[in-house]
C-alpha cells in the first residue's frame, strides 16, 4: 500500500502514506506523554502542599536536640505520704497508693514498706493491727494485711 512518488518527491516535501501515519502516531504519543507528565506534576505538587499545611498531631512527642531523651535525668521530687489513719482500711488504701506511685515512677514493685520510706514515699510506716503485718502483693501492686 505504499504509493510510489516520482524521484525528488521527498525533496519537494511530498511524504508517503506510511510516513504520515507514523508521524501522526508519534505526535499522538508525544501529546499523551506530555499530558501524563503534567498530570503527575500537578498530583505531586498537590500532595506536597497538603503535607506542609497540616500541623503535626497534638499527641506526638518528638525529641529535639535540646532534649535528646524524653525521660528526665533526675526523678521528680517525691512528696511523702503521712499516714495518720486510725483504722486499717484507710491505712491500707494510703499504703497502696504510695506503693503504686513508687512502682509507676521507678518501674518496679518495692520489696517492702521500708524501701518506700527510704525512697521518701512514706514519712513513717504505720503500725499494723495486733497480730497482723502489712505485706506488698507484687501481682496486684497493693498492700494487704497478713
N, C-alpha and C. Protein backbone atom coordinates (compact mmCIF):
# COMPACT_ATOMS: atom_id res chain seq x y z
N UNK A 1 0.80 -1.20 0.00
CA UNK A 1 0.00 0.00 0.00
C UNK A 1 0.84 1.26 0.00
N UNK A 2 2.07 1.07 -0.22
CA UNK A 2 2.95 2.21 -0.23
C UNK A 2 2.91 2.86 -1.62
N UNK A 3 2.34 4.08 -1.68
CA UNK A 3 2.29 4.71 -3.01
C UNK A 3 3.70 5.10 -3.48
N UNK A 4 3.88 5.09 -4.73
CA UNK A 4 5.19 5.46 -5.27
C UNK A 4 5.13 6.91 -5.72
N UNK A 5 6.22 7.59 -5.48
CA UNK A 5 6.32 9.00 -5.86
C UNK A 5 7.44 9.15 -6.87
N UNK A 6 7.31 10.15 -7.68
CA UNK A 6 8.39 10.36 -8.65
C UNK A 6 9.68 10.74 -7.93
N UNK A 7 10.78 10.57 -8.55
CA UNK A 7 12.07 10.90 -7.97
C UNK A 7 12.09 12.36 -7.58
N UNK A 8 12.62 12.63 -6.40
CA UNK A 8 12.70 14.01 -5.93
C UNK A 8 11.45 14.47 -5.19
N UNK A 9 10.47 13.57 -5.00
CA UNK A 9 9.26 13.96 -4.30
C UNK A 9 9.55 14.28 -2.84
N UNK A 10 10.46 13.52 -2.24
CA UNK A 10 10.81 13.77 -0.85
C UNK A 10 11.47 15.13 -0.72
N UNK A 11 12.23 15.52 -1.74
CA UNK A 11 12.90 16.82 -1.70
C UNK A 11 11.89 17.94 -1.81
N UNK A 12 10.76 17.71 -2.49
CA UNK A 12 9.75 18.76 -2.64
C UNK A 12 8.80 18.78 -1.45
N UNK A 13 8.93 17.86 -0.47
CA UNK A 13 8.07 17.87 0.69
C UNK A 13 6.91 16.91 0.59
N UNK A 14 6.90 16.09 -0.38
CA UNK A 14 5.83 15.12 -0.53
C UNK A 14 6.19 13.90 0.31
N UNK A 15 5.29 13.49 1.18
CA UNK A 15 5.55 12.38 2.09
C UNK A 15 4.61 11.26 1.74
N UNK A 16 5.09 10.03 1.83
CA UNK A 16 4.27 8.88 1.50
C UNK A 16 3.23 8.59 2.58
N UNK A 17 2.28 7.73 2.28
CA UNK A 17 1.16 7.39 3.17
C UNK A 17 1.65 6.80 4.49
N UNK A 18 2.57 5.84 4.45
CA UNK A 18 3.08 5.21 5.66
C UNK A 18 3.82 6.21 6.54
N UNK A 19 4.53 7.14 5.93
CA UNK A 19 5.26 8.14 6.71
C UNK A 19 4.30 9.06 7.45
N UNK A 20 3.18 9.41 6.89
CA UNK A 20 2.19 10.28 7.53
C UNK A 20 1.57 9.57 8.72
N UNK A 21 1.25 8.29 8.59
CA UNK A 21 0.67 7.54 9.70
C UNK A 21 1.66 7.45 10.86
N UNK A 22 2.92 7.27 10.53
CA UNK A 22 3.95 7.19 11.56
C UNK A 22 4.08 8.52 12.28
N UNK A 23 4.06 9.61 11.57
CA UNK A 23 4.15 10.94 12.18
C UNK A 23 2.93 11.22 13.06
N UNK A 24 1.76 10.81 12.62
CA UNK A 24 0.56 11.03 13.42
C UNK A 24 0.62 10.24 14.71
N UNK A 25 1.10 9.01 14.62
CA UNK A 25 1.22 8.18 15.81
C UNK A 25 2.24 8.77 16.78
N UNK A 26 3.36 9.22 16.28
CA UNK A 26 4.39 9.84 17.13
C UNK A 26 3.84 11.10 17.78
N UNK A 27 3.12 11.91 16.98
CA UNK A 27 2.53 13.13 17.52
C UNK A 27 1.52 12.80 18.62
N UNK A 28 0.70 11.79 18.43
CA UNK A 28 -0.30 11.37 19.43
C UNK A 28 0.39 10.88 20.71
N UNK A 29 1.39 10.03 20.55
CA UNK A 29 2.10 9.51 21.73
C UNK A 29 2.82 10.61 22.49
N UNK A 30 3.42 11.55 21.78
CA UNK A 30 4.10 12.66 22.43
C UNK A 30 3.12 13.53 23.20
N UNK A 31 1.95 13.78 22.64
CA UNK A 31 0.97 14.61 23.34
C UNK A 31 0.43 13.88 24.58
N UNK A 32 0.25 12.56 24.49
CA UNK A 32 -0.21 11.79 25.65
C UNK A 32 0.86 11.78 26.74
N UNK A 33 2.12 11.64 26.35
CA UNK A 33 3.22 11.65 27.31
C UNK A 33 3.27 12.99 28.05
N UNK A 34 3.11 14.08 27.30
CA UNK A 34 3.13 15.41 27.94
C UNK A 34 1.95 15.58 28.89
N UNK A 35 0.80 15.06 28.51
CA UNK A 35 -0.37 15.15 29.40
C UNK A 35 -0.15 14.36 30.68
N UNK A 36 0.40 13.15 30.56
CA UNK A 36 0.67 12.33 31.75
C UNK A 36 1.72 12.98 32.65
N UNK A 37 2.74 13.56 32.06
CA UNK A 37 3.76 14.26 32.86
C UNK A 37 3.16 15.45 33.58
N UNK A 38 2.31 16.20 32.89
CA UNK A 38 1.65 17.35 33.51
C UNK A 38 0.75 16.91 34.66
N UNK A 39 0.01 15.84 34.45
CA UNK A 39 -0.87 15.32 35.49
C UNK A 39 -0.06 14.84 36.70
N UNK A 40 1.05 14.16 36.47
CA UNK A 40 1.91 13.69 37.57
C UNK A 40 2.48 14.88 38.33
N UNK A 41 2.90 15.92 37.63
CA UNK A 41 3.45 17.11 38.28
C UNK A 41 2.40 17.77 39.17
N UNK A 42 1.20 17.90 38.67
CA UNK A 42 0.12 18.50 39.46
C UNK A 42 -0.19 17.65 40.69
N UNK A 43 -0.22 16.34 40.55
CA UNK A 43 -0.51 15.45 41.68
C UNK A 43 0.59 15.56 42.74
N UNK A 44 1.84 15.60 42.34
CA UNK A 44 2.94 15.73 43.29
C UNK A 44 2.90 17.08 43.98
N UNK A 45 2.61 18.13 43.23
CA UNK A 45 2.53 19.46 43.82
C UNK A 45 1.41 19.54 44.85
N UNK A 46 0.25 18.95 44.55
CA UNK A 46 -0.86 18.97 45.49
C UNK A 46 -0.54 18.16 46.74
N UNK A 47 0.12 17.03 46.56
CA UNK A 47 0.49 16.21 47.72
C UNK A 47 1.49 16.95 48.60
N UNK A 48 2.44 17.65 48.00
CA UNK A 48 3.43 18.40 48.78
C UNK A 48 2.77 19.56 49.51
N UNK A 49 1.83 20.23 48.89
CA UNK A 49 1.12 21.34 49.54
C UNK A 49 0.31 20.83 50.73
N UNK A 50 -0.31 19.67 50.58
CA UNK A 50 -1.13 19.12 51.65
C UNK A 50 -0.28 18.75 52.85
N UNK A 51 0.91 18.23 52.64
CA UNK A 51 1.78 17.83 53.75
C UNK A 51 2.29 19.04 54.51
N UNK A 52 2.55 20.13 53.85
CA UNK A 52 3.08 21.31 54.52
C UNK A 52 2.02 22.04 55.31
N UNK A 53 0.77 21.98 54.88
CA UNK A 53 -0.27 22.76 55.54
C UNK A 53 -0.83 22.10 56.79
N UNK A 54 -0.69 20.78 56.92
CA UNK A 54 -1.27 20.12 58.08
C UNK A 54 -0.28 20.15 59.25
N UNK A 55 -0.73 20.63 60.43
CA UNK A 55 0.15 20.66 61.59
C UNK A 55 0.36 19.26 62.13
N UNK A 56 1.44 19.04 62.88
CA UNK A 56 1.65 17.72 63.46
C UNK A 56 0.58 17.43 64.50
N UNK A 57 0.25 16.14 64.73
CA UNK A 57 -0.77 15.82 65.71
C UNK A 57 -0.37 16.32 67.09
N UNK A 58 -1.38 16.67 67.88
CA UNK A 58 -1.14 17.24 69.20
C UNK A 58 -0.52 16.24 70.16
N UNK A 59 -0.73 14.95 69.93
CA UNK A 59 -0.23 13.94 70.86
C UNK A 59 1.16 13.45 70.51
N UNK A 60 1.73 13.93 69.40
CA UNK A 60 3.05 13.45 69.01
C UNK A 60 4.11 14.04 69.93
N UNK A 61 5.02 13.19 70.38
CA UNK A 61 6.12 13.63 71.22
C UNK A 61 7.39 13.38 70.42
N UNK A 62 8.13 14.45 70.19
CA UNK A 62 9.36 14.31 69.44
C UNK A 62 10.52 14.81 70.27
N UNK A 63 11.65 14.17 70.10
CA UNK A 63 12.85 14.59 70.81
C UNK A 63 13.56 15.64 69.96
N UNK A 64 13.95 16.74 70.56
CA UNK A 64 14.66 17.79 69.87
C UNK A 64 16.11 17.75 70.32
N UNK A 65 16.99 18.47 69.62
CA UNK A 65 18.39 18.47 70.04
C UNK A 65 18.58 18.96 71.48
N UNK A 66 17.70 19.86 71.94
CA UNK A 66 17.82 20.34 73.30
C UNK A 66 17.43 19.26 74.30
N UNK A 67 16.49 18.38 73.92
CA UNK A 67 16.03 17.31 74.81
C UNK A 67 16.27 15.98 74.13
N UNK A 68 17.49 15.44 74.19
CA UNK A 68 17.76 14.19 73.48
C UNK A 68 17.02 13.00 74.06
N UNK A 69 16.62 13.07 75.30
CA UNK A 69 15.92 11.96 75.93
C UNK A 69 14.58 12.46 76.43
N UNK A 70 13.56 11.62 76.31
CA UNK A 70 12.24 12.01 76.80
C UNK A 70 12.10 11.79 78.29
N UNK A 71 12.97 10.97 78.90
CA UNK A 71 12.93 10.74 80.33
C UNK A 71 13.79 11.77 81.05
N UNK A 72 13.32 12.29 82.16
CA UNK A 72 14.15 13.24 82.90
C UNK A 72 15.35 12.52 83.52
N UNK A 73 16.46 13.25 83.63
CA UNK A 73 17.67 12.67 84.18
C UNK A 73 17.52 12.37 85.66
N UNK A 74 16.82 13.24 86.38
CA UNK A 74 16.61 13.02 87.81
C UNK A 74 15.14 12.76 88.04
N UNK A 75 14.81 11.89 88.98
CA UNK A 75 13.40 11.63 89.24
C UNK A 75 12.72 12.87 89.81
N UNK A 76 11.41 13.00 89.57
CA UNK A 76 10.70 14.16 90.10
C UNK A 76 10.70 14.12 91.63
N UNK A 77 10.52 15.27 92.26
CA UNK A 77 10.53 15.28 93.72
C UNK A 77 9.38 14.45 94.28
N UNK A 78 9.68 13.73 95.34
CA UNK A 78 8.69 12.86 95.96
C UNK A 78 8.12 13.58 97.17
N UNK A 79 6.80 13.60 97.24
CA UNK A 79 6.13 14.18 98.40
C UNK A 79 5.64 13.03 99.25
N UNK A 80 6.28 12.80 100.38
CA UNK A 80 5.91 11.63 101.18
C UNK A 80 4.50 11.74 101.76
N UNK A 81 3.90 10.59 101.93
CA UNK A 81 2.56 10.50 102.48
C UNK A 81 2.68 10.26 103.98
N UNK A 82 1.97 11.06 104.74
CA UNK A 82 1.90 10.85 106.18
C UNK A 82 0.61 10.12 106.47
N UNK A 83 0.71 8.95 107.06
CA UNK A 83 -0.47 8.14 107.34
C UNK A 83 -0.79 8.26 108.82
N UNK A 84 -1.91 8.87 109.07
CA UNK A 84 -2.39 9.02 110.44
C UNK A 84 -3.81 8.49 110.51
N UNK A 85 -3.98 7.30 109.98
CA UNK A 85 -5.32 6.72 109.92
C UNK A 85 -5.55 5.82 111.13
N UNK A 86 -6.67 6.02 111.81
CA UNK A 86 -6.94 5.18 112.98
C UNK A 86 -7.37 3.77 112.60
N UNK A 87 -7.98 3.60 111.40
CA UNK A 87 -8.44 2.26 111.04
C UNK A 87 -7.55 1.66 109.95
N UNK A 88 -7.52 0.34 109.89
CA UNK A 88 -6.62 -0.38 108.98
C UNK A 88 -7.00 -0.19 107.51
N UNK A 89 -8.30 -0.06 107.20
CA UNK A 89 -8.69 0.04 105.78
C UNK A 89 -8.17 1.33 105.16
N UNK A 90 -8.20 2.43 105.89
CA UNK A 90 -7.67 3.69 105.37
C UNK A 90 -6.16 3.60 105.22
N UNK A 91 -5.49 2.98 106.19
CA UNK A 91 -4.04 2.81 106.12
C UNK A 91 -3.67 1.95 104.91
N UNK A 92 -4.43 0.88 104.67
CA UNK A 92 -4.17 0.03 103.51
C UNK A 92 -4.30 0.81 102.21
N UNK A 93 -5.34 1.63 102.11
CA UNK A 93 -5.56 2.41 100.89
C UNK A 93 -4.42 3.40 100.67
N UNK A 94 -3.97 4.07 101.72
CA UNK A 94 -2.90 5.05 101.57
C UNK A 94 -1.55 4.37 101.29
N UNK A 95 -1.31 3.23 101.91
CA UNK A 95 -0.08 2.49 101.64
C UNK A 95 -0.07 1.97 100.19
N UNK A 96 -1.21 1.48 99.74
CA UNK A 96 -1.33 1.00 98.36
C UNK A 96 -1.06 2.14 97.38
N UNK A 97 -1.57 3.33 97.70
CA UNK A 97 -1.33 4.48 96.83
C UNK A 97 0.16 4.80 96.76
N UNK A 98 0.86 4.74 97.88
CA UNK A 98 2.30 5.00 97.88
C UNK A 98 3.05 3.92 97.10
N UNK A 99 2.66 2.65 97.25
CA UNK A 99 3.31 1.56 96.52
C UNK A 99 3.10 1.73 95.01
N UNK A 100 1.92 2.10 94.60
CA UNK A 100 1.64 2.25 93.17
C UNK A 100 2.37 3.46 92.58
N UNK A 101 2.48 4.54 93.36
CA UNK A 101 3.25 5.71 92.89
C UNK A 101 4.72 5.33 92.71
N UNK A 102 5.26 4.62 93.70
CA UNK A 102 6.64 4.15 93.62
C UNK A 102 6.82 3.26 92.38
N UNK A 103 5.92 2.34 92.17
CA UNK A 103 6.01 1.40 91.05
C UNK A 103 5.92 2.12 89.71
N UNK A 104 5.05 3.10 89.61
CA UNK A 104 4.89 3.83 88.35
C UNK A 104 6.13 4.67 88.04
N UNK A 105 6.70 5.30 89.05
CA UNK A 105 7.84 6.19 88.81
C UNK A 105 9.15 5.43 88.69
N UNK A 106 9.30 4.35 89.42
CA UNK A 106 10.57 3.60 89.41
C UNK A 106 10.51 2.36 88.52
N UNK A 107 9.33 2.02 88.03
CA UNK A 107 9.11 0.86 87.16
C UNK A 107 9.51 -0.46 87.81
N UNK A 108 9.28 -0.55 89.12
CA UNK A 108 9.48 -1.81 89.84
C UNK A 108 8.63 -1.75 91.11
N UNK A 109 8.26 -2.91 91.59
CA UNK A 109 7.46 -3.01 92.82
C UNK A 109 8.43 -3.04 94.00
N UNK A 110 8.19 -2.22 95.02
CA UNK A 110 9.10 -2.26 96.19
C UNK A 110 9.01 -3.60 96.91
N UNK A 111 10.10 -4.00 97.50
CA UNK A 111 10.13 -5.27 98.21
C UNK A 111 9.39 -5.21 99.54
N UNK A 112 9.47 -4.04 100.19
CA UNK A 112 8.81 -3.88 101.49
C UNK A 112 8.52 -2.41 101.73
N UNK A 113 7.84 -2.14 102.84
CA UNK A 113 7.48 -0.76 103.15
C UNK A 113 8.69 0.07 103.55
N UNK A 114 9.74 -0.57 104.07
CA UNK A 114 10.96 0.15 104.42
C UNK A 114 11.60 0.78 103.19
N UNK A 115 11.50 0.10 102.05
CA UNK A 115 12.02 0.65 100.80
C UNK A 115 11.26 1.91 100.41
N UNK A 116 9.96 1.93 100.66
CA UNK A 116 9.16 3.13 100.39
C UNK A 116 9.60 4.29 101.28
N UNK A 117 9.86 3.99 102.53
CA UNK A 117 10.29 5.02 103.48
C UNK A 117 11.67 5.55 103.09
N UNK A 118 12.58 4.65 102.75
CA UNK A 118 13.93 5.05 102.36
C UNK A 118 13.92 5.90 101.09
N UNK A 119 13.00 5.60 100.17
CA UNK A 119 12.90 6.35 98.92
C UNK A 119 12.15 7.66 99.08
N UNK A 120 11.53 7.87 100.26
CA UNK A 120 10.83 9.13 100.51
C UNK A 120 9.37 9.12 100.15
N UNK A 121 8.80 7.97 99.88
CA UNK A 121 7.38 7.89 99.54
C UNK A 121 6.51 7.83 100.78
N UNK A 122 7.06 7.46 101.90
CA UNK A 122 6.35 7.44 103.19
C UNK A 122 7.22 8.15 104.22
N UNK A 123 6.57 8.90 105.12
CA UNK A 123 7.33 9.51 106.22
C UNK A 123 7.63 8.45 107.28
N UNK A 124 6.65 7.62 107.56
CA UNK A 124 6.85 6.54 108.53
C UNK A 124 5.87 5.41 108.21
N UNK A 125 6.19 4.24 108.69
CA UNK A 125 5.33 3.08 108.46
C UNK A 125 4.33 3.01 109.61
N UNK A 126 3.04 2.97 109.31
CA UNK A 126 2.05 2.90 110.38
C UNK A 126 2.09 1.53 111.06
N UNK A 127 1.59 1.50 112.25
CA UNK A 127 1.57 0.21 112.95
C UNK A 127 0.36 -0.59 112.49
N UNK A 128 0.59 -1.87 112.28
CA UNK A 128 -0.47 -2.76 111.83
C UNK A 128 -1.29 -3.20 113.05
N UNK A 129 -2.52 -3.66 112.84
CA UNK A 129 -3.32 -4.17 113.95
C UNK A 129 -2.60 -5.34 114.65
N UNK A 130 -2.97 -5.61 115.87
CA UNK A 130 -2.32 -6.65 116.67
C UNK A 130 -2.37 -7.99 115.95
N UNK A 131 -1.22 -8.66 115.87
CA UNK A 131 -1.13 -9.98 115.25
C UNK A 131 -1.09 -9.96 113.73
N UNK A 132 -1.05 -8.79 113.11
CA UNK A 132 -1.03 -8.66 111.64
C UNK A 132 0.20 -7.86 111.22
N UNK A 133 0.48 -7.93 109.93
CA UNK A 133 1.55 -7.10 109.36
C UNK A 133 1.16 -6.70 107.94
N UNK A 134 1.70 -5.55 107.50
CA UNK A 134 1.44 -5.07 106.14
C UNK A 134 2.39 -5.78 105.17
N UNK A 135 1.83 -6.30 104.07
CA UNK A 135 2.61 -7.02 103.06
C UNK A 135 2.24 -6.47 101.68
N UNK A 136 3.25 -6.30 100.83
CA UNK A 136 3.02 -5.82 99.46
C UNK A 136 2.82 -7.03 98.56
N UNK A 137 1.68 -7.04 97.86
CA UNK A 137 1.39 -8.10 96.89
C UNK A 137 1.90 -7.63 95.53
N UNK A 138 2.96 -8.26 94.99
CA UNK A 138 3.54 -7.78 93.73
C UNK A 138 2.64 -7.99 92.51
N UNK A 139 1.73 -8.94 92.57
CA UNK A 139 0.85 -9.18 91.41
C UNK A 139 -0.20 -8.09 91.27
N UNK A 140 -0.79 -7.67 92.40
CA UNK A 140 -1.82 -6.63 92.34
C UNK A 140 -1.28 -5.25 92.65
N UNK A 141 -0.02 -5.16 93.01
CA UNK A 141 0.63 -3.90 93.42
C UNK A 141 -0.25 -3.22 94.46
N UNK A 142 -0.53 -3.94 95.52
CA UNK A 142 -1.37 -3.43 96.58
C UNK A 142 -0.81 -3.94 97.91
N UNK A 143 -1.20 -3.25 98.98
CA UNK A 143 -0.79 -3.65 100.33
C UNK A 143 -1.94 -4.39 100.98
N UNK A 144 -1.63 -5.52 101.60
CA UNK A 144 -2.65 -6.32 102.30
C UNK A 144 -2.18 -6.59 103.71
N UNK A 145 -3.11 -7.06 104.52
CA UNK A 145 -2.80 -7.46 105.91
C UNK A 145 -2.68 -8.97 105.96
N UNK A 146 -1.64 -9.46 106.61
CA UNK A 146 -1.49 -10.92 106.81
C UNK A 146 -1.36 -11.21 108.28
